[in-house]
Amino acid sequence: MIEVGQVILTDDIKDEYFVCDLAKCKGACCVEGDLGAPLSKDELPIMRQIYPEVTPYLSELGRRVIERTGTHILDEEGDFSTPTIGGKECAYAIYDDQGVLKCGIEQAWLDGKISFRKPLSCHLYPLRLKQYDQFVAVNYDRWHICRPACRLGDELKVPLYKFLKEALIRRFGSDWYHELVRQIEGK
């Protein structure tokens, strides 16, 4: 375990290699599973605010689901998440010309339409956060759909903490991230 401030991280963050390989997995994390992407309470008003700018990027089905359910739902586990289309892909997911699922929110961000990149849970994936009273736990969510990412990460020798640098800084800050790197690399 690695402890940085009030964050406890699995050793997997330094020991496991990972680089998303969308050409192989086709964005399976946007369609697999029982629920949509987890959302924090802080993200709920943002989801409502950005929806008008994101709408043109979404599929017709995604728009219909969001118009019916709202920009987020209270899921079966009592947490907030993005709505899904028929219990499968995230309502914000879009298919590109190669059949790869991508994020309509992120596409709007890339095009400069919004300042919110995408839900933090998506940006941090395959890491998952669990808030406790005294600390935040950061765990690696191993899933068969990410085997191509593990293989590519191993081939390129990119550990999780480097692959997710931007997302970790987004959540915990650059000073925190530099301390994480110092602890891992001894620099």
N, C-alpha and C. Protein backbone atom coordinates (compact mmCIF):
# COMPACT_ATOMS: atom_id res chain seq x y z
N MET A 1 0.84 -1.18 0.00
CA MET A 1 0.00 0.00 0.00
C MET A 1 0.89 1.25 0.00
N ILE A 2 0.38 2.26 -0.66
CA ILE A 2 1.08 3.55 -0.72
C ILE A 2 0.15 4.58 -0.08
N GLU A 3 0.70 5.41 0.79
CA GLU A 3 -0.10 6.44 1.43
C GLU A 3 0.47 7.82 1.09
N VAL A 4 -0.38 8.64 0.49
CA VAL A 4 0.00 10.01 0.16
C VAL A 4 -1.09 10.91 0.75
N GLY A 5 -0.72 11.64 1.78
CA GLY A 5 -1.72 12.45 2.48
C GLY A 5 -2.79 11.54 3.03
N GLN A 6 -4.05 11.85 2.74
CA GLN A 6 -5.15 11.02 3.23
C GLN A 6 -5.70 10.12 2.13
N VAL A 7 -4.78 9.68 1.26
CA VAL A 7 -5.13 8.79 0.16
C VAL A 7 -4.30 7.53 0.29
N ILE A 8 -4.98 6.38 0.29
CA ILE A 8 -4.30 5.10 0.36
C ILE A 8 -4.51 4.40 -0.97
N LEU A 9 -3.38 4.07 -1.62
CA LEU A 9 -3.43 3.48 -2.96
C LEU A 9 -2.91 2.06 -2.95
N THR A 10 -3.50 1.24 -3.79
CA THR A 10 -3.00 -0.10 -3.98
C THR A 10 -1.62 -0.05 -4.63
N ASP A 11 -0.77 -1.02 -4.31
CA ASP A 11 0.55 -1.10 -4.95
C ASP A 11 0.44 -1.33 -6.45
N ASP A 12 -0.75 -1.79 -6.89
CA ASP A 12 -0.95 -2.01 -8.33
C ASP A 12 -0.68 -0.74 -9.13
N ILE A 13 -0.84 0.41 -8.53
CA ILE A 13 -0.67 1.67 -9.25
C ILE A 13 0.76 1.80 -9.79
N LYS A 14 1.71 1.18 -9.11
CA LYS A 14 3.10 1.21 -9.58
C LYS A 14 3.53 -0.10 -10.22
N ASP A 15 2.86 -1.19 -9.87
CA ASP A 15 3.29 -2.51 -10.33
C ASP A 15 2.62 -2.99 -11.61
N GLU A 16 1.44 -2.47 -11.90
CA GLU A 16 0.69 -2.92 -13.07
C GLU A 16 0.84 -1.92 -14.22
N TYR A 17 0.95 -2.46 -15.42
CA TYR A 17 1.09 -1.64 -16.62
C TYR A 17 -0.26 -1.53 -17.33
N PHE A 18 -0.49 -0.37 -17.95
CA PHE A 18 -1.81 -0.14 -18.55
C PHE A 18 -1.75 1.03 -19.53
N VAL A 19 -2.25 0.81 -20.74
CA VAL A 19 -2.46 1.87 -21.73
C VAL A 19 -3.70 1.46 -22.53
N CYS A 20 -4.75 2.24 -22.48
CA CYS A 20 -5.97 1.91 -23.21
C CYS A 20 -5.64 1.60 -24.67
N ASP A 21 -6.26 0.56 -25.17
CA ASP A 21 -6.07 0.13 -26.56
C ASP A 21 -7.45 0.06 -27.21
N LEU A 22 -8.01 1.23 -27.53
CA LEU A 22 -9.38 1.32 -28.04
C LEU A 22 -9.57 0.53 -29.34
N ALA A 23 -8.53 0.40 -30.12
CA ALA A 23 -8.65 -0.37 -31.37
C ALA A 23 -8.99 -1.82 -31.08
N LYS A 24 -8.57 -2.31 -29.92
CA LYS A 24 -8.82 -3.71 -29.56
C LYS A 24 -10.08 -3.88 -28.70
N CYS A 25 -10.26 -3.03 -27.70
CA CYS A 25 -11.39 -3.22 -26.78
C CYS A 25 -12.67 -2.54 -27.27
N LYS A 26 -12.54 -1.60 -28.19
CA LYS A 26 -13.68 -0.88 -28.78
C LYS A 26 -14.47 -0.06 -27.76
N GLY A 27 -13.81 0.32 -26.64
CA GLY A 27 -14.48 1.12 -25.63
C GLY A 27 -15.47 0.33 -24.80
N ALA A 28 -15.14 -0.94 -24.57
CA ALA A 28 -16.05 -1.84 -23.86
C ALA A 28 -16.44 -1.34 -22.47
N CYS A 29 -15.59 -0.54 -21.82
CA CYS A 29 -15.93 -0.05 -20.47
C CYS A 29 -17.12 0.89 -20.51
N CYS A 30 -17.47 1.42 -21.68
CA CYS A 30 -18.63 2.31 -21.80
C CYS A 30 -19.93 1.53 -22.01
N VAL A 31 -19.83 0.21 -22.18
CA VAL A 31 -21.02 -0.59 -22.45
C VAL A 31 -21.18 -1.77 -21.49
N GLU A 32 -20.09 -2.28 -20.97
CA GLU A 32 -20.14 -3.44 -20.09
C GLU A 32 -20.53 -3.03 -18.67
N GLY A 33 -21.03 -3.96 -17.93
CA GLY A 33 -21.37 -3.70 -16.53
C GLY A 33 -22.86 -3.51 -16.34
N ASP A 34 -23.24 -3.34 -15.09
CA ASP A 34 -24.65 -3.24 -14.73
C ASP A 34 -25.18 -1.82 -14.73
N LEU A 35 -24.28 -0.85 -14.54
CA LEU A 35 -24.71 0.53 -14.35
C LEU A 35 -23.90 1.46 -15.24
N GLY A 36 -24.31 2.73 -15.29
CA GLY A 36 -23.54 3.74 -16.01
C GLY A 36 -22.32 4.16 -15.21
N ALA A 37 -21.66 5.20 -15.67
CA ALA A 37 -20.47 5.71 -15.00
C ALA A 37 -20.84 6.34 -13.66
N PRO A 38 -20.12 6.00 -12.59
CA PRO A 38 -20.37 6.65 -11.30
C PRO A 38 -20.14 8.16 -11.38
N LEU A 39 -20.99 8.91 -10.70
CA LEU A 39 -20.88 10.37 -10.65
C LEU A 39 -20.84 10.82 -9.20
N SER A 40 -20.02 11.82 -8.93
CA SER A 40 -20.01 12.42 -7.59
C SER A 40 -21.15 13.43 -7.50
N LYS A 41 -21.54 13.78 -6.29
CA LYS A 41 -22.58 14.80 -6.11
C LYS A 41 -22.16 16.13 -6.72
N ASP A 42 -20.87 16.42 -6.69
CA ASP A 42 -20.36 17.67 -7.27
C ASP A 42 -20.54 17.70 -8.80
N GLU A 43 -20.57 16.54 -9.41
CA GLU A 43 -20.69 16.48 -10.87
C GLU A 43 -22.14 16.61 -11.36
N LEU A 44 -23.11 16.41 -10.49
CA LEU A 44 -24.51 16.43 -10.92
C LEU A 44 -24.92 17.77 -11.53
N PRO A 45 -24.64 18.92 -10.88
CA PRO A 45 -25.03 20.18 -11.53
C PRO A 45 -24.24 20.43 -12.81
N ILE A 46 -23.02 19.93 -12.87
CA ILE A 46 -22.22 20.09 -14.09
C ILE A 46 -22.86 19.32 -15.24
N MET A 47 -23.34 18.12 -14.96
CA MET A 47 -23.98 17.31 -16.00
C MET A 47 -25.21 18.03 -16.55
N ARG A 48 -25.98 18.65 -15.66
CA ARG A 48 -27.16 19.42 -16.11
C ARG A 48 -26.73 20.64 -16.94
N GLN A 49 -25.70 21.32 -16.47
CA GLN A 49 -25.23 22.54 -17.13
C GLN A 49 -24.69 22.28 -18.53
N ILE A 50 -23.91 21.21 -18.70
CA ILE A 50 -23.26 20.96 -19.99
C ILE A 50 -24.17 20.26 -21.00
N TYR A 51 -25.27 19.71 -20.52
CA TYR A 51 -26.11 18.90 -21.42
C TYR A 51 -26.48 19.61 -22.72
N PRO A 52 -26.90 20.87 -22.71
CA PRO A 52 -27.25 21.51 -23.99
C PRO A 52 -26.10 21.54 -25.00
N GLU A 53 -24.88 21.70 -24.52
CA GLU A 53 -23.71 21.72 -25.41
C GLU A 53 -23.31 20.32 -25.86
N VAL A 54 -23.60 19.32 -25.04
CA VAL A 54 -23.23 17.94 -25.35
C VAL A 54 -24.25 17.27 -26.27
N THR A 55 -25.49 17.70 -26.20
CA THR A 55 -26.58 17.08 -26.94
C THR A 55 -26.26 16.80 -28.41
N PRO A 56 -25.68 17.74 -29.16
CA PRO A 56 -25.42 17.47 -30.58
C PRO A 56 -24.44 16.31 -30.83
N TYR A 57 -23.68 15.94 -29.82
CA TYR A 57 -22.69 14.87 -29.96
C TYR A 57 -23.28 13.49 -29.70
N LEU A 58 -24.45 13.44 -29.12
CA LEU A 58 -25.01 12.17 -28.67
C LEU A 58 -25.84 11.49 -29.75
N SER A 59 -26.01 10.20 -29.57
CA SER A 59 -26.89 9.45 -30.48
C SER A 59 -28.34 9.81 -30.18
N GLU A 60 -29.20 9.53 -31.12
CA GLU A 60 -30.63 9.79 -30.92
C GLU A 60 -31.14 9.01 -29.71
N LEU A 61 -30.72 7.75 -29.60
CA LEU A 61 -31.15 6.93 -28.46
C LEU A 61 -30.64 7.50 -27.14
N GLY A 62 -29.39 7.93 -27.13
CA GLY A 62 -28.82 8.52 -25.92
C GLY A 62 -29.58 9.76 -25.49
N ARG A 63 -29.92 10.62 -26.46
CA ARG A 63 -30.69 11.84 -26.14
C ARG A 63 -32.06 11.49 -25.57
N ARG A 64 -32.72 10.51 -26.18
CA ARG A 64 -34.06 10.13 -25.70
C ARG A 64 -34.01 9.60 -24.27
N VAL A 65 -33.01 8.78 -23.99
CA VAL A 65 -32.87 8.24 -22.63
C VAL A 65 -32.64 9.37 -21.63
N ILE A 66 -31.74 10.30 -21.95
CA ILE A 66 -31.43 11.40 -21.04
C ILE A 66 -32.64 12.31 -20.87
N GLU A 67 -33.37 12.55 -21.93
CA GLU A 67 -34.57 13.40 -21.81
C GLU A 67 -35.64 12.72 -20.95
N ARG A 68 -35.66 11.39 -20.97
CA ARG A 68 -36.64 10.65 -20.17
C ARG A 68 -36.20 10.51 -18.71
N THR A 69 -34.91 10.21 -18.48
CA THR A 69 -34.43 9.91 -17.13
C THR A 69 -33.74 11.07 -16.44
N GLY A 70 -33.25 12.03 -17.22
CA GLY A 70 -32.43 13.11 -16.69
C GLY A 70 -30.97 12.87 -17.00
N THR A 71 -30.14 13.85 -16.70
CA THR A 71 -28.71 13.77 -17.03
C THR A 71 -27.95 12.76 -16.18
N HIS A 72 -28.58 12.32 -15.10
CA HIS A 72 -27.99 11.32 -14.21
C HIS A 72 -29.14 10.60 -13.51
N ILE A 73 -28.81 9.46 -12.93
CA ILE A 73 -29.82 8.69 -12.20
C ILE A 73 -29.28 8.29 -10.84
N LEU A 74 -30.18 7.97 -9.94
CA LEU A 74 -29.82 7.35 -8.67
C LEU A 74 -29.90 5.86 -8.95
N ASP A 75 -28.76 5.19 -8.94
CA ASP A 75 -28.72 3.80 -9.39
C ASP A 75 -29.17 2.82 -8.30
N GLU A 76 -29.16 1.56 -8.66
CA GLU A 76 -29.65 0.49 -7.78
C GLU A 76 -28.85 0.37 -6.49
N GLU A 77 -27.62 0.86 -6.51
CA GLU A 77 -26.76 0.77 -5.33
C GLU A 77 -26.84 2.02 -4.45
N GLY A 78 -27.73 2.96 -4.83
CA GLY A 78 -27.89 4.17 -4.05
C GLY A 78 -26.88 5.25 -4.38
N ASP A 79 -26.18 5.08 -5.50
CA ASP A 79 -25.20 6.06 -5.94
C ASP A 79 -25.70 6.72 -7.22
N PHE A 80 -25.10 7.85 -7.57
CA PHE A 80 -25.45 8.52 -8.82
C PHE A 80 -24.59 7.98 -9.95
N SER A 81 -25.20 7.86 -11.12
CA SER A 81 -24.47 7.40 -12.30
C SER A 81 -25.11 7.96 -13.56
N THR A 82 -24.43 7.78 -14.66
CA THR A 82 -25.00 8.18 -15.94
C THR A 82 -26.08 7.18 -16.32
N PRO A 83 -27.11 7.62 -17.03
CA PRO A 83 -28.12 6.67 -17.50
C PRO A 83 -27.54 5.80 -18.61
N THR A 84 -28.16 4.66 -18.82
CA THR A 84 -27.71 3.76 -19.88
C THR A 84 -28.83 3.53 -20.88
N ILE A 85 -28.45 3.06 -22.03
CA ILE A 85 -29.40 2.71 -23.09
C ILE A 85 -29.70 1.23 -22.96
N GLY A 86 -30.90 0.92 -22.53
CA GLY A 86 -31.29 -0.48 -22.38
C GLY A 86 -30.43 -1.27 -21.43
N GLY A 87 -29.88 -0.62 -20.41
CA GLY A 87 -29.04 -1.33 -19.45
C GLY A 87 -27.68 -1.69 -20.01
N LYS A 88 -27.31 -1.10 -21.13
CA LYS A 88 -26.01 -1.41 -21.74
C LYS A 88 -25.15 -0.15 -21.79
N GLU A 89 -24.92 0.39 -23.00
CA GLU A 89 -23.96 1.49 -23.11
C GLU A 89 -24.45 2.76 -22.42
N CYS A 90 -23.48 3.53 -21.96
CA CYS A 90 -23.74 4.82 -21.35
C CYS A 90 -24.48 5.69 -22.37
N ALA A 91 -25.47 6.42 -21.90
CA ALA A 91 -26.25 7.29 -22.79
C ALA A 91 -25.40 8.39 -23.42
N TYR A 92 -24.24 8.67 -22.84
CA TYR A 92 -23.34 9.69 -23.38
C TYR A 92 -22.33 9.10 -24.36
N ALA A 93 -22.32 7.79 -24.53
CA ALA A 93 -21.36 7.14 -25.42
C ALA A 93 -21.80 7.29 -26.87
N ILE A 94 -20.82 7.43 -27.73
CA ILE A 94 -21.07 7.53 -29.17
C ILE A 94 -20.13 6.58 -29.89
N TYR A 95 -20.58 6.04 -31.00
CA TYR A 95 -19.75 5.15 -31.82
C TYR A 95 -19.06 5.96 -32.90
N ASP A 96 -17.77 5.71 -33.09
CA ASP A 96 -17.08 6.36 -34.20
C ASP A 96 -17.19 5.49 -35.45
N ASP A 97 -16.53 5.89 -36.53
CA ASP A 97 -16.63 5.18 -37.81
C ASP A 97 -16.09 3.75 -37.75
N GLN A 98 -15.22 3.46 -36.78
CA GLN A 98 -14.66 2.11 -36.63
C GLN A 98 -15.43 1.28 -35.61
N GLY A 99 -16.56 1.78 -35.13
CA GLY A 99 -17.36 1.04 -34.17
C GLY A 99 -16.82 1.10 -32.76
N VAL A 100 -15.95 2.08 -32.48
CA VAL A 100 -15.38 2.25 -31.15
C VAL A 100 -16.26 3.22 -30.36
N LEU A 101 -16.60 2.83 -29.14
CA LEU A 101 -17.37 3.72 -28.27
C LEU A 101 -16.46 4.78 -27.69
N LYS A 102 -16.91 6.01 -27.78
CA LYS A 102 -16.19 7.13 -27.20
C LYS A 102 -17.19 7.97 -26.42
N CYS A 103 -16.69 8.97 -25.73
CA CYS A 103 -17.54 9.78 -24.87
C CYS A 103 -17.98 11.06 -25.59
N GLY A 104 -19.29 11.27 -25.69
CA GLY A 104 -19.82 12.48 -26.29
C GLY A 104 -19.45 13.72 -25.48
N ILE A 105 -19.38 13.56 -24.15
CA ILE A 105 -18.96 14.68 -23.30
C ILE A 105 -17.53 15.05 -23.62
N GLU A 106 -16.66 14.05 -23.71
CA GLU A 106 -15.25 14.32 -23.99
C GLU A 106 -15.08 14.92 -25.39
N GLN A 107 -15.88 14.49 -26.33
CA GLN A 107 -15.79 15.04 -27.68
C GLN A 107 -16.16 16.53 -27.68
N ALA A 108 -17.19 16.90 -26.93
CA ALA A 108 -17.56 18.30 -26.80
C ALA A 108 -16.42 19.09 -26.14
N TRP A 109 -15.75 18.49 -25.16
CA TRP A 109 -14.60 19.11 -24.50
C TRP A 109 -13.45 19.28 -25.49
N LEU A 110 -13.16 18.23 -26.26
CA LEU A 110 -12.08 18.31 -27.25
C LEU A 110 -12.35 19.41 -28.28
N ASP A 111 -13.61 19.61 -28.61
CA ASP A 111 -13.99 20.64 -29.58
C ASP A 111 -14.10 22.03 -28.96
N GLY A 112 -13.80 22.14 -27.65
CA GLY A 112 -13.82 23.43 -26.99
C GLY A 112 -15.20 23.96 -26.64
N LYS A 113 -16.21 23.10 -26.66
CA LYS A 113 -17.58 23.54 -26.37
C LYS A 113 -17.86 23.64 -24.88
N ILE A 114 -17.14 22.83 -24.08
CA ILE A 114 -17.34 22.80 -22.64
C ILE A 114 -15.97 22.71 -21.95
N SER A 115 -15.92 23.03 -20.66
CA SER A 115 -14.65 22.96 -19.92
C SER A 115 -14.55 21.70 -19.06
N PHE A 116 -15.59 20.90 -19.02
CA PHE A 116 -15.63 19.65 -18.24
C PHE A 116 -15.26 18.51 -19.18
N ARG A 117 -14.19 17.79 -18.87
CA ARG A 117 -13.70 16.76 -19.79
C ARG A 117 -14.63 15.56 -19.88
N LYS A 118 -14.93 14.97 -18.74
CA LYS A 118 -15.83 13.82 -18.62
C LYS A 118 -15.89 13.47 -17.15
N PRO A 119 -16.83 12.60 -16.75
CA PRO A 119 -16.88 12.22 -15.34
C PRO A 119 -15.53 11.71 -14.84
N LEU A 120 -15.19 12.09 -13.63
CA LEU A 120 -13.90 11.69 -13.07
C LEU A 120 -13.75 10.18 -13.03
N SER A 121 -14.83 9.46 -12.75
CA SER A 121 -14.73 8.00 -12.69
C SER A 121 -14.29 7.41 -14.02
N CYS A 122 -14.68 8.04 -15.11
CA CYS A 122 -14.25 7.59 -16.45
C CYS A 122 -12.79 7.97 -16.70
N HIS A 123 -12.43 9.17 -16.30
CA HIS A 123 -11.07 9.66 -16.52
C HIS A 123 -10.07 8.82 -15.72
N LEU A 124 -10.44 8.39 -14.52
CA LEU A 124 -9.55 7.61 -13.66
C LEU A 124 -9.55 6.10 -13.97
N TYR A 125 -10.47 5.66 -14.79
CA TYR A 125 -10.58 4.21 -15.00
C TYR A 125 -9.29 3.65 -15.59
N PRO A 126 -8.79 2.53 -15.06
CA PRO A 126 -9.41 1.46 -14.27
C PRO A 126 -9.25 1.60 -12.76
N LEU A 127 -8.93 2.79 -12.28
CA LEU A 127 -8.89 2.99 -10.83
C LEU A 127 -10.27 3.38 -10.34
N ARG A 128 -10.61 2.92 -9.17
CA ARG A 128 -11.88 3.28 -8.53
C ARG A 128 -11.57 3.86 -7.16
N LEU A 129 -12.30 4.91 -6.80
CA LEU A 129 -12.13 5.58 -5.51
C LEU A 129 -13.24 5.18 -4.56
N LYS A 130 -12.88 5.03 -3.31
CA LYS A 130 -13.86 4.77 -2.26
C LYS A 130 -13.55 5.72 -1.11
N GLN A 131 -14.52 6.59 -0.81
CA GLN A 131 -14.35 7.58 0.25
C GLN A 131 -14.74 6.96 1.60
N TYR A 132 -13.83 7.06 2.55
CA TYR A 132 -14.10 6.66 3.93
C TYR A 132 -14.04 7.92 4.79
N ASP A 133 -14.36 7.81 6.06
CA ASP A 133 -14.36 8.98 6.94
C ASP A 133 -12.99 9.67 6.98
N GLN A 134 -11.93 8.90 7.11
CA GLN A 134 -10.60 9.47 7.33
C GLN A 134 -9.70 9.46 6.10
N PHE A 135 -10.08 8.76 5.04
CA PHE A 135 -9.19 8.64 3.88
C PHE A 135 -9.97 8.24 2.63
N VAL A 136 -9.28 8.33 1.50
CA VAL A 136 -9.81 7.86 0.22
C VAL A 136 -8.98 6.64 -0.18
N ALA A 137 -9.65 5.56 -0.52
CA ALA A 137 -8.96 4.36 -1.01
C ALA A 137 -8.98 4.38 -2.53
N VAL A 138 -7.84 4.07 -3.13
CA VAL A 138 -7.71 4.01 -4.59
C VAL A 138 -7.34 2.57 -4.95
N ASN A 139 -8.25 1.90 -5.65
CA ASN A 139 -8.05 0.50 -6.00
C ASN A 139 -8.10 0.30 -7.51
N TYR A 140 -7.40 -0.73 -7.94
CA TYR A 140 -7.35 -1.11 -9.35
C TYR A 140 -8.48 -2.09 -9.63
N ASP A 141 -9.32 -1.75 -10.58
CA ASP A 141 -10.45 -2.60 -10.96
C ASP A 141 -10.04 -3.48 -12.13
N ARG A 142 -9.61 -4.69 -11.81
CA ARG A 142 -9.20 -5.63 -12.87
C ARG A 142 -10.45 -6.17 -13.55
N TRP A 143 -10.43 -6.13 -14.88
CA TRP A 143 -11.59 -6.58 -15.64
C TRP A 143 -11.10 -7.16 -16.95
N HIS A 144 -11.68 -8.27 -17.35
CA HIS A 144 -11.22 -8.97 -18.56
C HIS A 144 -11.26 -8.09 -19.80
N ILE A 145 -12.17 -7.13 -19.85
CA ILE A 145 -12.28 -6.29 -21.04
C ILE A 145 -11.05 -5.40 -21.23
N CYS A 146 -10.25 -5.25 -20.18
CA CYS A 146 -9.06 -4.40 -20.26
C CYS A 146 -7.77 -5.20 -20.53
N ARG A 147 -7.88 -6.46 -20.86
CA ARG A 147 -6.66 -7.23 -21.16
C ARG A 147 -5.82 -6.60 -22.26
N PRO A 148 -6.45 -6.08 -23.34
CA PRO A 148 -5.62 -5.42 -24.36
C PRO A 148 -4.84 -4.23 -23.80
N ALA A 149 -5.44 -3.48 -22.88
CA ALA A 149 -4.76 -2.33 -22.27
C ALA A 149 -3.59 -2.80 -21.40
N CYS A 150 -3.78 -3.91 -20.72
CA CYS A 150 -2.70 -4.46 -19.89
C CYS A 150 -1.54 -4.92 -20.77
N ARG A 151 -1.87 -5.58 -21.89
CA ARG A 151 -0.82 -6.04 -22.81
C ARG A 151 -0.07 -4.85 -23.42
N LEU A 152 -0.80 -3.83 -23.86
CA LEU A 152 -0.15 -2.67 -24.46
C LEU A 152 0.68 -1.92 -23.42
N GLY A 153 0.15 -1.77 -22.23
CA GLY A 153 0.90 -1.12 -21.16
C GLY A 153 2.18 -1.86 -20.84
N ASP A 154 2.12 -3.19 -20.81
CA ASP A 154 3.29 -4.02 -20.54
C ASP A 154 4.31 -3.86 -21.68
N GLU A 155 3.82 -3.87 -22.89
CA GLU A 155 4.70 -3.71 -24.05
C GLU A 155 5.42 -2.37 -24.01
N LEU A 156 4.69 -1.32 -23.64
CA LEU A 156 5.25 0.04 -23.59
C LEU A 156 5.88 0.38 -22.24
N LYS A 157 5.71 -0.50 -21.25
CA LYS A 157 6.23 -0.32 -19.89
C LYS A 157 5.72 0.98 -19.25
N VAL A 158 4.38 1.17 -19.30
CA VAL A 158 3.74 2.34 -18.71
C VAL A 158 2.92 1.89 -17.51
N PRO A 159 3.38 2.22 -16.29
CA PRO A 159 2.61 1.85 -15.10
C PRO A 159 1.34 2.71 -14.97
N LEU A 160 0.38 2.19 -14.23
CA LEU A 160 -0.89 2.89 -14.04
C LEU A 160 -0.73 4.34 -13.61
N TYR A 161 0.15 4.60 -12.66
CA TYR A 161 0.26 5.97 -12.16
C TYR A 161 0.74 6.94 -13.24
N LYS A 162 1.49 6.47 -14.21
CA LYS A 162 1.93 7.34 -15.31
C LYS A 162 0.83 7.48 -16.36
N PHE A 163 0.16 6.36 -16.66
CA PHE A 163 -0.92 6.42 -17.64
C PHE A 163 -2.03 7.36 -17.16
N LEU A 164 -2.30 7.36 -15.86
CA LEU A 164 -3.39 8.15 -15.30
C LEU A 164 -2.93 9.45 -14.65
N LYS A 165 -1.76 9.92 -15.02
CA LYS A 165 -1.20 11.15 -14.42
C LYS A 165 -2.19 12.31 -14.46
N GLU A 166 -2.72 12.61 -15.62
CA GLU A 166 -3.62 13.76 -15.77
C GLU A 166 -4.87 13.61 -14.89
N ALA A 167 -5.45 12.41 -14.87
CA ALA A 167 -6.65 12.18 -14.07
C ALA A 167 -6.34 12.25 -12.58
N LEU A 168 -5.21 11.70 -12.16
CA LEU A 168 -4.82 11.76 -10.75
C LEU A 168 -4.57 13.20 -10.31
N ILE A 169 -3.94 13.99 -11.16
CA ILE A 169 -3.74 15.40 -10.84
C ILE A 169 -5.07 16.12 -10.79
N ARG A 170 -5.96 15.81 -11.71
CA ARG A 170 -7.29 16.43 -11.70
C ARG A 170 -7.98 16.19 -10.36
N ARG A 171 -7.86 14.99 -9.83
CA ARG A 171 -8.57 14.65 -8.58
C ARG A 171 -7.83 15.12 -7.33
N PHE A 172 -6.51 14.92 -7.30
CA PHE A 172 -5.77 15.14 -6.06
C PHE A 172 -4.81 16.33 -6.09
N GLY A 173 -4.52 16.87 -7.26
CA GLY A 173 -3.62 18.02 -7.38
C GLY A 173 -2.21 17.63 -7.78
N SER A 174 -1.47 18.60 -8.30
CA SER A 174 -0.12 18.31 -8.82
C SER A 174 0.88 18.07 -7.68
N ASP A 175 0.76 18.78 -6.57
CA ASP A 175 1.68 18.54 -5.45
C ASP A 175 1.52 17.11 -4.94
N TRP A 176 0.28 16.69 -4.81
CA TRP A 176 -0.01 15.32 -4.37
C TRP A 176 0.61 14.32 -5.35
N TYR A 177 0.41 14.56 -6.64
CA TYR A 177 0.94 13.62 -7.65
C TYR A 177 2.47 13.57 -7.58
N HIS A 178 3.12 14.71 -7.42
CA HIS A 178 4.59 14.72 -7.34
C HIS A 178 5.07 13.94 -6.12
N GLU A 179 4.31 14.01 -5.02
CA GLU A 179 4.66 13.22 -3.83
C GLU A 179 4.48 11.73 -4.11
N LEU A 180 3.42 11.38 -4.83
CA LEU A 180 3.22 9.98 -5.22
C LEU A 180 4.42 9.47 -6.03
N VAL A 181 4.82 10.24 -7.03
CA VAL A 181 5.97 9.87 -7.87
C VAL A 181 7.23 9.77 -7.02
N ARG A 182 7.43 10.71 -6.11
CA ARG A 182 8.60 10.65 -5.24
C ARG A 182 8.64 9.36 -4.42
N GLN A 183 7.47 8.98 -3.89
CA GLN A 183 7.42 7.75 -3.09
C GLN A 183 7.68 6.52 -3.95
N ILE A 184 7.15 6.51 -5.15
CA ILE A 184 7.30 5.34 -6.02
C ILE A 184 8.70 5.25 -6.60
N GLU A 185 9.19 6.37 -7.10
CA GLU A 185 10.46 6.37 -7.81
C GLU A 185 11.65 6.77 -6.93
N GLY A 186 11.36 7.24 -5.72
CA GLY A 186 12.44 7.64 -4.82
C GLY A 186 13.15 8.91 -5.25
N LYS A 187 12.45 9.75 -6.03
CA LYS A 187 13.09 10.99 -6.52
C LYS A 187 12.58 12.19 -5.75
